[in-house]
Amino acid sequence: MKNILRFIFFILIQVFVLDKVPLLHQYLKPTIAFLFILWLPFSLSRVALMAIAFIFGLVLDYFSGVPGLHSAPMVLIAYLRPFLLNLLLPQQKAEITYSDPSTKSVGIGPYAVYIIVLTVVYHIYLTFIEWMQFGNFMFFIGKVLGSALLSLVLIFITELLFFRKVKFKTNAG
């Protein structure tokens, strides 16, 4: 139920607030909607993650009027997410785990790396799809870095404002 509410919340915030930012919209595109994918439980399979990401992206695409613009980067970060989590999580967490990624479950450092890497990947792919060419490479890099930094600030503010209870579970017995 909480993930359905998050789905609706992130769609509404992205579509009716962040996509309406007037002056920054052409050059910087603040995006926090993909945080929904990053907050999904560890227990989901890669196929389920990618299916949810595709549906989530399609809903954003519907509101933006550009098919594939959000769904492709959403599916990409859903595909990369398990690889990145396997690299960042210590091996001793195999016995005792938490239900979803957060600063408390994986630690501040690994969680920050997780958020930063997937945010930058998302914005590189999103900006590339928007342009479908590199054009002015420095402008491309500037737009990616500016949008990613703005999104990271908004993500960390969201993390501070919306404290998530961490569910602790064991695999024992």
C-alpha atoms as a PDB file:
ATOM      1  CA  MET A   1       0.000   0.000   0.000  1.00  0.00           C
ATOM      2  CA  LYS A   2       2.807   2.428   0.860  1.00  0.00           C
ATOM      3  CA  ASN A   3       4.404   1.864  -2.544  1.00  0.00           C
ATOM      4  CA  ILE A   4       1.128   2.669  -4.308  1.00  0.00           C
ATOM      5  CA  LEU A   5       0.919   5.923  -2.339  1.00  0.00           C
ATOM      6  CA  ARG A   6       4.556   6.683  -3.194  1.00  0.00           C
ATOM      7  CA  PHE A   7       3.808   5.986  -6.857  1.00  0.00           C
ATOM      8  CA  ILE A   8       0.970   8.521  -6.850  1.00  0.00           C
ATOM      9  CA  PHE A   9       2.909  11.040  -4.728  1.00  0.00           C
ATOM     10  CA  PHE A  10       6.001  11.047  -6.959  1.00  0.00           C
ATOM     11  CA  ILE A  11       3.922  11.282 -10.152  1.00  0.00           C
ATOM     12  CA  LEU A  12       1.962  14.247  -8.773  1.00  0.00           C
ATOM     13  CA  ILE A  13       5.044  16.077  -7.486  1.00  0.00           C
ATOM     14  CA  GLN A  14       6.956  15.550 -10.730  1.00  0.00           C
ATOM     15  CA  VAL A  15       4.115  16.433 -13.098  1.00  0.00           C
ATOM     16  CA  PHE A  16       2.383  19.264 -11.255  1.00  0.00           C
ATOM     17  CA  VAL A  17       5.304  20.880  -9.420  1.00  0.00           C
ATOM     18  CA  LEU A  18       8.757  20.109 -10.816  1.00  0.00           C
ATOM     19  CA  ASP A  19       7.807  20.035 -14.506  1.00  0.00           C
ATOM     20  CA  LYS A  20       6.198  23.476 -14.105  1.00  0.00           C
ATOM     21  CA  VAL A  21       9.373  25.284 -12.983  1.00  0.00           C
ATOM     22  CA  PRO A  22       9.467  28.096 -15.597  1.00  0.00           C
ATOM     23  CA  LEU A  23      12.995  29.506 -15.911  1.00  0.00           C
ATOM     24  CA  LEU A  24      14.991  26.381 -15.197  1.00  0.00           C
ATOM     25  CA  HIS A  25      12.891  24.043 -17.334  1.00  0.00           C
ATOM     26  CA  GLN A  26      14.799  24.582 -20.585  1.00  0.00           C
ATOM     27  CA  TYR A  27      18.274  24.138 -19.139  1.00  0.00           C
ATOM     28  CA  LEU A  28      17.825  22.259 -15.882  1.00  0.00           C
ATOM     29  CA  LYS A  29      15.220  19.588 -15.355  1.00  0.00           C
ATOM     30  CA  PRO A  30      14.792  18.749 -11.651  1.00  0.00           C
ATOM     31  CA  THR A  31      13.622  15.167 -11.280  1.00  0.00           C
ATOM     32  CA  ILE A  32      12.917  13.184  -8.147  1.00  0.00           C
ATOM     33  CA  ALA A  33      10.316  10.789  -9.543  1.00  0.00           C
ATOM     34  CA  PHE A  34      12.882   8.034 -10.067  1.00  0.00           C
ATOM     35  CA  LEU A  35      13.396   7.989  -6.297  1.00  0.00           C
ATOM     36  CA  PHE A  36      10.295   5.786  -6.292  1.00  0.00           C
ATOM     37  CA  ILE A  37      12.327   3.081  -8.094  1.00  0.00           C
ATOM     38  CA  LEU A  38      15.298   3.528  -5.763  1.00  0.00           C
ATOM     39  CA  TRP A  39      13.092   3.127  -2.656  1.00  0.00           C
ATOM     40  CA  LEU A  40      11.455  -0.137  -3.760  1.00  0.00           C
ATOM     41  CA  PRO A  41      12.122  -3.184  -1.540  1.00  0.00           C
ATOM     42  CA  PHE A  42      15.222  -5.358  -1.899  1.00  0.00           C
ATOM     43  CA  SER A  43      13.012  -8.429  -2.279  1.00  0.00           C
ATOM     44  CA  LEU A  44      11.761  -7.513  -5.763  1.00  0.00           C
ATOM     45  CA  SER A  45      13.298  -9.426  -8.646  1.00  0.00           C
ATOM     46  CA  ARG A  46      15.043  -7.570 -11.447  1.00  0.00           C
ATOM     47  CA  VAL A  47      12.172  -8.405 -13.828  1.00  0.00           C
ATOM     48  CA  ALA A  48       9.578  -7.041 -11.377  1.00  0.00           C
ATOM     49  CA  LEU A  49      11.687  -3.904 -10.831  1.00  0.00           C
ATOM     50  CA  MET A  50      11.968  -3.312 -14.560  1.00  0.00           C
ATOM     51  CA  ALA A  51       8.228  -3.885 -15.113  1.00  0.00           C
ATOM     52  CA  ILE A  52       7.311  -1.450 -12.325  1.00  0.00           C
ATOM     53  CA  ALA A  53       9.845   1.070 -13.655  1.00  0.00           C
ATOM     54  CA  PHE A  54       8.399   0.765 -17.168  1.00  0.00           C
ATOM     55  CA  ILE A  55       4.832   1.348 -15.942  1.00  0.00           C
ATOM     56  CA  PHE A  56       5.965   4.254 -13.758  1.00  0.00           C
ATOM     57  CA  GLY A  57       7.851   5.768 -16.691  1.00  0.00           C
ATOM     58  CA  LEU A  58       4.864   5.323 -19.005  1.00  0.00           C
ATOM     59  CA  VAL A  59       2.647   7.224 -16.577  1.00  0.00           C
ATOM     60  CA  LEU A  60       5.184  10.078 -16.522  1.00  0.00           C
ATOM     61  CA  ASP A  61       5.418   9.901 -20.316  1.00  0.00           C
ATOM     62  CA  TYR A  62       1.647  10.174 -20.581  1.00  0.00           C
ATOM     63  CA  PHE A  63       1.665  13.416 -18.602  1.00  0.00           C
ATOM     64  CA  SER A  64       4.697  14.833 -20.410  1.00  0.00           C
ATOM     65  CA  GLY A  65       3.361  13.910 -23.855  1.00  0.00           C
ATOM     66  CA  VAL A  66       6.637  12.339 -24.990  1.00  0.00           C
ATOM     67  CA  PRO A  67       6.520   8.532 -25.263  1.00  0.00           C
ATOM     68  CA  GLY A  68       9.620   6.792 -23.962  1.00  0.00           C
ATOM     69  CA  LEU A  69      11.265   9.883 -22.522  1.00  0.00           C
ATOM     70  CA  HIS A  70      10.962   8.737 -18.909  1.00  0.00           C
ATOM     71  CA  SER A  71      10.264   5.028 -19.293  1.00  0.00           C
ATOM     72  CA  ALA A  72      13.632   4.212 -20.912  1.00  0.00           C
ATOM     73  CA  PRO A  73      15.793   5.838 -18.179  1.00  0.00           C
ATOM     74  CA  MET A  74      13.516   4.353 -15.471  1.00  0.00           C
ATOM     75  CA  VAL A  75      14.024   0.847 -16.860  1.00  0.00           C
ATOM     76  CA  LEU A  76      17.776   1.461 -17.117  1.00  0.00           C
ATOM     77  CA  ILE A  77      18.131   2.448 -13.453  1.00  0.00           C
ATOM     78  CA  ALA A  78      15.875  -0.462 -12.435  1.00  0.00           C
ATOM     79  CA  TYR A  79      18.192  -2.784 -14.363  1.00  0.00           C
ATOM     80  CA  LEU A  80      21.380  -1.285 -12.868  1.00  0.00           C
ATOM     81  CA  ARG A  81      20.046  -1.021  -9.306  1.00  0.00           C
ATOM     82  CA  PRO A  82      20.688  -4.666  -8.228  1.00  0.00           C
ATOM     83  CA  PHE A  83      24.235  -4.591  -9.656  1.00  0.00           C
ATOM     84  CA  LEU A  84      25.044  -1.401  -7.770  1.00  0.00           C
ATOM     85  CA  LEU A  85      23.509  -2.659  -4.527  1.00  0.00           C
ATOM     86  CA  ASN A  86      25.544  -5.885  -4.779  1.00  0.00           C
ATOM     87  CA  LEU A  87      28.712  -3.805  -5.128  1.00  0.00           C
ATOM     88  CA  LEU A  88      27.862  -1.472  -2.246  1.00  0.00           C
ATOM     89  CA  LEU A  89      26.411  -3.864   0.338  1.00  0.00           C
ATOM     90  CA  PRO A  90      28.846  -5.708   2.577  1.00  0.00           C
ATOM     91  CA  GLN A  91      28.794  -9.470   2.236  1.00  0.00           C
ATOM     92  CA  GLN A  92      27.911  -9.973   5.927  1.00  0.00           C
ATOM     93  CA  LYS A  93      24.487  -8.432   5.255  1.00  0.00           C
ATOM     94  CA  ALA A  94      23.508 -11.724   3.577  1.00  0.00           C
ATOM     95  CA  GLU A  95      22.291 -13.154   6.898  1.00  0.00           C
ATOM     96  CA  ILE A  96      20.526 -10.063   8.240  1.00  0.00           C
ATOM     97  CA  THR A  97      18.884  -7.586   5.892  1.00  0.00           C
ATOM     98  CA  TYR A  98      16.511  -4.687   5.794  1.00  0.00           C
ATOM     99  CA  SER A  99      13.458  -4.501   3.561  1.00  0.00           C
ATOM    100  CA  ASP A 100      14.424  -1.471   1.434  1.00  0.00           C
ATOM    101  CA  PRO A 101      17.386   0.820   0.726  1.00  0.00           C
ATOM    102  CA  SER A 102      17.871   3.751   3.092  1.00  0.00           C
ATOM    103  CA  THR A 103      20.664   5.471   4.994  1.00  0.00           C
ATOM    104  CA  LYS A 104      19.899   3.296   8.002  1.00  0.00           C
ATOM    105  CA  SER A 105      19.866  -0.011   6.123  1.00  0.00           C
ATOM    106  CA  VAL A 106      22.979   0.394   3.965  1.00  0.00           C
ATOM    107  CA  GLY A 107      24.815   3.262   5.673  1.00  0.00           C
ATOM    108  CA  ILE A 108      25.181   6.913   4.719  1.00  0.00           C
ATOM    109  CA  GLY A 109      28.222   6.490   2.452  1.00  0.00           C
ATOM    110  CA  PRO A 110      26.968   3.572   0.346  1.00  0.00           C
ATOM    111  CA  TYR A 111      23.480   5.089   0.182  1.00  0.00           C
ATOM    112  CA  ALA A 112      24.894   8.410  -1.053  1.00  0.00           C
ATOM    113  CA  VAL A 113      26.948   6.591  -3.718  1.00  0.00           C
ATOM    114  CA  TYR A 114      23.844   4.589  -4.707  1.00  0.00           C
ATOM    115  CA  ILE A 115      21.736   7.747  -5.091  1.00  0.00           C
ATOM    116  CA  ILE A 116      24.444   9.796  -6.828  1.00  0.00           C
ATOM    117  CA  VAL A 117      25.429   7.129  -9.374  1.00  0.00           C
ATOM    118  CA  LEU A 118      21.863   6.286 -10.384  1.00  0.00           C
ATOM    119  CA  THR A 119      20.884   9.984 -10.500  1.00  0.00           C
ATOM    120  CA  VAL A 120      23.754  10.798 -12.858  1.00  0.00           C
ATOM    121  CA  VAL A 121      23.017   7.736 -15.031  1.00  0.00           C
ATOM    122  CA  TYR A 122      19.340   8.702 -15.174  1.00  0.00           C
ATOM    123  CA  HIS A 123      20.110  12.280 -16.232  1.00  0.00           C
ATOM    124  CA  ILE A 124      22.723  11.283 -18.827  1.00  0.00           C
ATOM    125  CA  TYR A 125      20.262   8.924 -20.493  1.00  0.00           C
ATOM    126  CA  LEU A 126      17.292  11.297 -20.154  1.00  0.00           C
ATOM    127  CA  THR A 127      19.222  14.233 -21.641  1.00  0.00           C
ATOM    128  CA  PHE A 128      20.588  12.078 -24.452  1.00  0.00           C
ATOM    129  CA  ILE A 129      17.082  10.859 -25.351  1.00  0.00           C
ATOM    130  CA  GLU A 130      15.767  14.437 -25.289  1.00  0.00           C
ATOM    131  CA  TRP A 131      18.410  15.554 -27.741  1.00  0.00           C
ATOM    132  CA  MET A 132      19.047  12.275 -29.645  1.00  0.00           C
ATOM    133  CA  GLN A 133      22.376  13.828 -30.543  1.00  0.00           C
ATOM    134  CA  PHE A 134      25.220  15.365 -28.633  1.00  0.00           C
ATOM    135  CA  GLY A 135      25.324  18.706 -30.458  1.00  0.00           C
ATOM    136  CA  ASN A 136      27.346  21.020 -28.221  1.00  0.00           C
ATOM    137  CA  PHE A 137      29.087  18.550 -25.910  1.00  0.00           C
ATOM    138  CA  MET A 138      29.826  21.102 -23.174  1.00  0.00           C
ATOM    139  CA  PHE A 139      26.167  22.184 -23.084  1.00  0.00           C
ATOM    140  CA  PHE A 140      25.157  18.499 -22.857  1.00  0.00           C
ATOM    141  CA  ILE A 141      27.544  17.909 -19.928  1.00  0.00           C
ATOM    142  CA  GLY A 142      26.423  21.151 -18.267  1.00  0.00           C
ATOM    143  CA  LYS A 143      22.764  20.206 -18.558  1.00  0.00           C
ATOM    144  CA  VAL A 144      23.416  16.686 -17.212  1.00  0.00           C
ATOM    145  CA  LEU A 145      25.499  17.913 -14.268  1.00  0.00           C
ATOM    146  CA  GLY A 146      23.178  20.844 -13.479  1.00  0.00           C
ATOM    147  CA  SER A 147      20.050  18.683 -13.589  1.00  0.00           C
ATOM    148  CA  ALA A 148      21.716  15.916 -11.597  1.00  0.00           C
ATOM    149  CA  LEU A 149      22.963  18.323  -8.910  1.00  0.00           C
ATOM    150  CA  LEU A 150      19.576  20.011  -8.620  1.00  0.00           C
ATOM    151  CA  SER A 151      17.884  16.607  -8.416  1.00  0.00           C
ATOM    152  CA  LEU A 152      20.362  15.417  -5.772  1.00  0.00           C
ATOM    153  CA  VAL A 153      19.632  18.450  -3.616  1.00  0.00           C
ATOM    154  CA  LEU A 154      15.894  17.762  -3.921  1.00  0.00           C
ATOM    155  CA  ILE A 155      16.408  14.059  -3.186  1.00  0.00           C
ATOM    156  CA  PHE A 156      18.388  14.739  -0.024  1.00  0.00           C
ATOM    157  CA  ILE A 157      15.764  17.286   1.092  1.00  0.00           C
ATOM    158  CA  THR A 158      13.101  14.624   0.429  1.00  0.00           C
ATOM    159  CA  GLU A 159      15.111  12.127   2.491  1.00  0.00           C
ATOM    160  CA  LEU A 160      15.206  14.592   5.391  1.00  0.00           C
ATOM    161  CA  LEU A 161      11.531  15.575   5.174  1.00  0.00           C
ATOM    162  CA  PHE A 162      10.061  12.107   4.708  1.00  0.00           C
ATOM    163  CA  PHE A 163      11.606   9.865   7.310  1.00  0.00           C
ATOM    164  CA  ARG A 164      11.044   6.236   6.402  1.00  0.00           C
ATOM    165  CA  LYS A 165      10.732   3.550   9.038  1.00  0.00           C
ATOM    166  CA  VAL A 166      13.231   0.828   8.337  1.00  0.00           C
ATOM    167  CA  LYS A 167      11.863  -2.676   8.588  1.00  0.00           C
ATOM    168  CA  PHE A 168      14.419  -5.094   9.940  1.00  0.00           C
ATOM    169  CA  LYS A 169      14.071  -8.745   9.054  1.00  0.00           C
ATOM    170  CA  THR A 170      16.191 -11.852   9.429  1.00  0.00           C
ATOM    171  CA  ASN A 171      16.540 -14.804   7.135  1.00  0.00           C
ATOM    172  CA  ALA A 172      16.917 -17.181  10.093  1.00  0.00           C
ATOM    173  CA  GLY A 173      14.429 -19.779  10.622  1.00  0.00           C
END
